[in-house]
Amino acid sequence: MSQEDLAAVQRRLDELVRRVGQLEQTVDQLRGSRPLAGSAAPAAKARPELVTIPDAPYDNALWTDSDDEGLGVRDRHAP
């Protein structure tokens, strides 16, 4: 690649980063999670709600009549 090609790629990457930033701002404004551009302090990004998964074992009734993945149906031999 020539220096001109590298410079062109860099310009296009810079433009892509700029446009993605604009798109993120537009989406944030539409969601109402960030004040309009030019405000004094940007809002903190909203964190997704964490889901706690209990350590208790699952009820064996959940697995009744289930197939073993890749092994076929219980009480039958493999083909």
N, C-alpha and C. Protein backbone atom coordinates (compact mmCIF):
# COMPACT_ATOMS: atom_id res chain seq x y z
N MET A 1 0.84 -1.18 0.00
CA MET A 1 0.00 0.00 0.00
C MET A 1 0.88 1.24 0.00
N SER A 2 0.47 2.20 -0.77
CA SER A 2 1.23 3.44 -0.83
C SER A 2 0.83 4.35 0.33
N GLN A 3 1.61 5.38 0.50
CA GLN A 3 1.32 6.34 1.57
C GLN A 3 -0.03 7.03 1.33
N GLU A 4 -0.35 7.27 0.05
CA GLU A 4 -1.63 7.91 -0.27
C GLU A 4 -2.79 6.99 0.10
N ASP A 5 -2.61 5.68 -0.17
CA ASP A 5 -3.65 4.72 0.19
C ASP A 5 -3.85 4.67 1.70
N LEU A 6 -2.75 4.65 2.44
CA LEU A 6 -2.84 4.62 3.90
C LEU A 6 -3.50 5.89 4.44
N ALA A 7 -3.17 7.03 3.84
CA ALA A 7 -3.78 8.29 4.28
C ALA A 7 -5.28 8.28 3.99
N ALA A 8 -5.67 7.74 2.84
CA ALA A 8 -7.09 7.67 2.50
C ALA A 8 -7.84 6.75 3.46
N VAL A 9 -7.23 5.62 3.79
CA VAL A 9 -7.85 4.70 4.75
C VAL A 9 -8.00 5.38 6.10
N GLN A 10 -6.97 6.09 6.55
CA GLN A 10 -7.03 6.78 7.84
C GLN A 10 -8.14 7.84 7.85
N ARG A 11 -8.26 8.59 6.75
CA ARG A 11 -9.33 9.60 6.67
C ARG A 11 -10.70 8.95 6.76
N ARG A 12 -10.86 7.83 6.07
CA ARG A 12 -12.16 7.15 6.09
C ARG A 12 -12.46 6.55 7.47
N LEU A 13 -11.44 6.03 8.13
CA LEU A 13 -11.65 5.53 9.50
C LEU A 13 -12.03 6.65 10.45
N ASP A 14 -11.36 7.80 10.31
CA ASP A 14 -11.70 8.96 11.15
C ASP A 14 -13.13 9.40 10.91
N GLU A 15 -13.55 9.41 9.64
CA GLU A 15 -14.93 9.79 9.31
C GLU A 15 -15.92 8.77 9.88
N LEU A 16 -15.57 7.49 9.81
CA LEU A 16 -16.44 6.45 10.36
C LEU A 16 -16.59 6.63 11.87
N VAL A 17 -15.49 6.87 12.57
CA VAL A 17 -15.55 7.06 14.02
C VAL A 17 -16.41 8.28 14.36
N ARG A 18 -16.26 9.35 13.59
CA ARG A 18 -17.05 10.56 13.83
C ARG A 18 -18.53 10.29 13.63
N ARG A 19 -18.87 9.58 12.56
CA ARG A 19 -20.29 9.31 12.28
C ARG A 19 -20.90 8.33 13.28
N VAL A 20 -20.13 7.36 13.73
CA VAL A 20 -20.63 6.44 14.76
C VAL A 20 -20.90 7.21 16.05
N GLY A 21 -20.01 8.15 16.38
CA GLY A 21 -20.23 8.99 17.56
C GLY A 21 -21.51 9.80 17.44
N GLN A 22 -21.75 10.35 16.26
CA GLN A 22 -22.98 11.11 16.03
C GLN A 22 -24.20 10.21 16.16
N LEU A 23 -24.10 9.00 15.62
CA LEU A 23 -25.22 8.06 15.70
C LEU A 23 -25.50 7.68 17.15
N GLU A 24 -24.46 7.45 17.94
CA GLU A 24 -24.64 7.13 19.35
C GLU A 24 -25.33 8.28 20.09
N GLN A 25 -24.92 9.50 19.79
CA GLN A 25 -25.55 10.66 20.44
C GLN A 25 -27.01 10.75 20.06
N THR A 26 -27.33 10.51 18.80
CA THR A 26 -28.72 10.57 18.34
C THR A 26 -29.56 9.51 19.03
N VAL A 27 -29.03 8.30 19.13
CA VAL A 27 -29.77 7.22 19.79
C VAL A 27 -29.98 7.54 21.26
N ASP A 28 -28.94 8.04 21.92
CA ASP A 28 -29.06 8.41 23.33
C ASP A 28 -30.11 9.50 23.53
N GLN A 29 -30.14 10.47 22.63
CA GLN A 29 -31.12 11.55 22.74
C GLN A 29 -32.53 11.01 22.53
N LEU A 30 -32.68 10.10 21.58
CA LEU A 30 -34.00 9.53 21.34
C LEU A 30 -34.48 8.70 22.53
N ARG A 31 -33.56 8.06 23.21
CA ARG A 31 -33.92 7.28 24.39
C ARG A 31 -34.12 8.18 25.60
N GLY A 32 -33.65 9.39 25.54
CA GLY A 32 -33.81 10.31 26.66
C GLY A 32 -32.82 10.06 27.78
N SER A 33 -31.76 9.30 27.53
CA SER A 33 -30.83 8.99 28.60
C SER A 33 -29.69 9.99 28.71
N ARG A 34 -29.57 10.89 27.77
CA ARG A 34 -28.49 11.86 27.80
C ARG A 34 -29.06 13.23 27.41
N PRO A 35 -28.62 14.29 28.09
CA PRO A 35 -29.10 15.62 27.71
C PRO A 35 -28.61 15.97 26.30
N LEU A 36 -29.22 16.98 25.71
CA LEU A 36 -28.85 17.40 24.36
C LEU A 36 -27.38 17.77 24.29
N ALA A 37 -26.81 17.64 23.10
CA ALA A 37 -25.40 17.94 22.89
C ALA A 37 -25.13 19.39 23.28
N GLY A 38 -23.97 19.62 23.88
CA GLY A 38 -23.62 20.96 24.30
C GLY A 38 -23.96 21.23 25.75
N SER A 39 -24.58 20.28 26.43
CA SER A 39 -24.88 20.45 27.84
C SER A 39 -23.59 20.40 28.65
N ALA A 40 -23.64 20.88 29.86
CA ALA A 40 -22.45 20.99 30.69
C ALA A 40 -21.86 19.62 31.04
N ALA A 41 -22.66 18.71 31.56
CA ALA A 41 -22.14 17.42 32.01
C ALA A 41 -22.89 16.29 31.32
N PRO A 42 -22.18 15.39 30.66
CA PRO A 42 -22.86 14.26 30.04
C PRO A 42 -23.38 13.29 31.10
N ALA A 43 -24.50 12.67 30.81
CA ALA A 43 -25.08 11.71 31.75
C ALA A 43 -24.28 10.42 31.74
N ALA A 44 -24.25 9.75 32.88
CA ALA A 44 -23.57 8.47 32.96
C ALA A 44 -24.33 7.44 32.14
N LYS A 45 -23.62 6.52 31.52
CA LYS A 45 -24.28 5.50 30.71
C LYS A 45 -25.07 4.58 31.63
N ALA A 46 -26.27 4.24 31.18
CA ALA A 46 -27.12 3.36 31.97
C ALA A 46 -26.55 1.95 31.95
N ARG A 47 -26.46 1.33 33.11
CA ARG A 47 -25.95 -0.03 33.21
C ARG A 47 -27.12 -0.99 33.16
N PRO A 48 -26.97 -2.11 32.45
CA PRO A 48 -28.06 -3.08 32.41
C PRO A 48 -28.28 -3.69 33.78
N GLU A 49 -29.52 -4.04 34.05
CA GLU A 49 -29.85 -4.65 35.33
C GLU A 49 -29.25 -6.04 35.41
N LEU A 50 -28.57 -6.34 36.50
CA LEU A 50 -27.95 -7.64 36.68
C LEU A 50 -28.98 -8.64 37.21
N VAL A 51 -28.90 -9.85 36.73
CA VAL A 51 -29.79 -10.92 37.16
C VAL A 51 -28.98 -11.90 37.99
N THR A 52 -29.43 -12.16 39.21
CA THR A 52 -28.74 -13.11 40.08
C THR A 52 -29.27 -14.51 39.83
N ILE A 53 -28.37 -15.43 39.60
CA ILE A 53 -28.74 -16.82 39.38
C ILE A 53 -28.44 -17.59 40.66
N PRO A 54 -29.45 -18.22 41.26
CA PRO A 54 -29.23 -18.91 42.53
C PRO A 54 -28.32 -20.13 42.36
N ASP A 55 -27.65 -20.50 43.45
CA ASP A 55 -26.77 -21.66 43.44
C ASP A 55 -27.52 -22.96 43.72
N ALA A 56 -28.78 -22.86 44.07
CA ALA A 56 -29.57 -24.05 44.39
C ALA A 56 -29.71 -24.92 43.14
N PRO A 57 -29.69 -26.24 43.31
CA PRO A 57 -29.82 -27.13 42.14
C PRO A 57 -31.22 -27.02 41.53
N TYR A 58 -31.29 -27.27 40.24
CA TYR A 58 -32.57 -27.23 39.55
C TYR A 58 -33.43 -28.42 39.97
N ASP A 59 -34.73 -28.26 39.88
CA ASP A 59 -35.67 -29.33 40.17
C ASP A 59 -35.56 -30.39 39.07
N ASN A 60 -35.38 -31.66 39.44
CA ASN A 60 -35.24 -32.72 38.45
C ASN A 60 -36.47 -32.88 37.57
N ALA A 61 -37.62 -32.42 38.03
CA ALA A 61 -38.84 -32.51 37.23
C ALA A 61 -38.72 -31.69 35.94
N LEU A 62 -37.82 -30.71 35.92
CA LEU A 62 -37.62 -29.92 34.71
C LEU A 62 -37.09 -30.77 33.56
N TRP A 63 -36.39 -31.84 33.90
CA TRP A 63 -35.73 -32.65 32.88
C TRP A 63 -36.52 -33.89 32.50
N THR A 64 -37.71 -34.07 33.06
CA THR A 64 -38.53 -35.23 32.74
C THR A 64 -38.91 -35.19 31.27
N ASP A 65 -38.82 -36.32 30.60
CA ASP A 65 -39.17 -36.45 29.18
C ASP A 65 -38.29 -35.61 28.26
N SER A 66 -37.10 -35.31 28.69
CA SER A 66 -36.20 -34.54 27.83
C SER A 66 -35.25 -35.48 27.11
N ASP A 67 -34.79 -35.05 25.97
CA ASP A 67 -33.81 -35.82 25.21
C ASP A 67 -32.42 -35.39 25.64
N ASP A 68 -31.49 -36.34 25.63
CA ASP A 68 -30.09 -36.00 25.89
C ASP A 68 -29.52 -35.50 24.57
N GLU A 69 -29.00 -34.29 24.58
CA GLU A 69 -28.49 -33.69 23.36
C GLU A 69 -27.46 -34.59 22.71
N GLY A 70 -27.71 -34.96 21.49
CA GLY A 70 -26.77 -35.75 20.73
C GLY A 70 -26.79 -37.23 21.03
N LEU A 71 -27.52 -37.66 22.05
CA LEU A 71 -27.54 -39.07 22.42
C LEU A 71 -28.86 -39.73 22.10
N GLY A 72 -29.85 -38.97 21.72
CA GLY A 72 -31.15 -39.53 21.39
C GLY A 72 -32.06 -39.59 22.60
N VAL A 73 -33.16 -40.29 22.43
CA VAL A 73 -34.19 -40.38 23.45
C VAL A 73 -33.79 -41.44 24.48
N ARG A 74 -34.12 -41.19 25.75
CA ARG A 74 -33.85 -42.16 26.81
C ARG A 74 -34.57 -43.47 26.53
N ASP A 75 -34.02 -44.53 27.05
CA ASP A 75 -34.62 -45.88 26.95
C ASP A 75 -34.63 -46.40 25.51
N ARG A 76 -33.87 -45.79 24.63
CA ARG A 76 -33.74 -46.29 23.26
C ARG A 76 -32.25 -46.29 22.92
N HIS A 77 -31.84 -47.22 22.09
CA HIS A 77 -30.44 -47.27 21.71
C HIS A 77 -30.18 -46.33 20.54
N ALA A 78 -28.93 -45.97 20.41
CA ALA A 78 -28.53 -45.07 19.33
C ALA A 78 -28.63 -45.80 18.00
N PRO A 79 -28.88 -45.12 16.91
CA PRO A 79 -29.01 -45.77 15.61
C PRO A 79 -27.74 -46.45 15.15
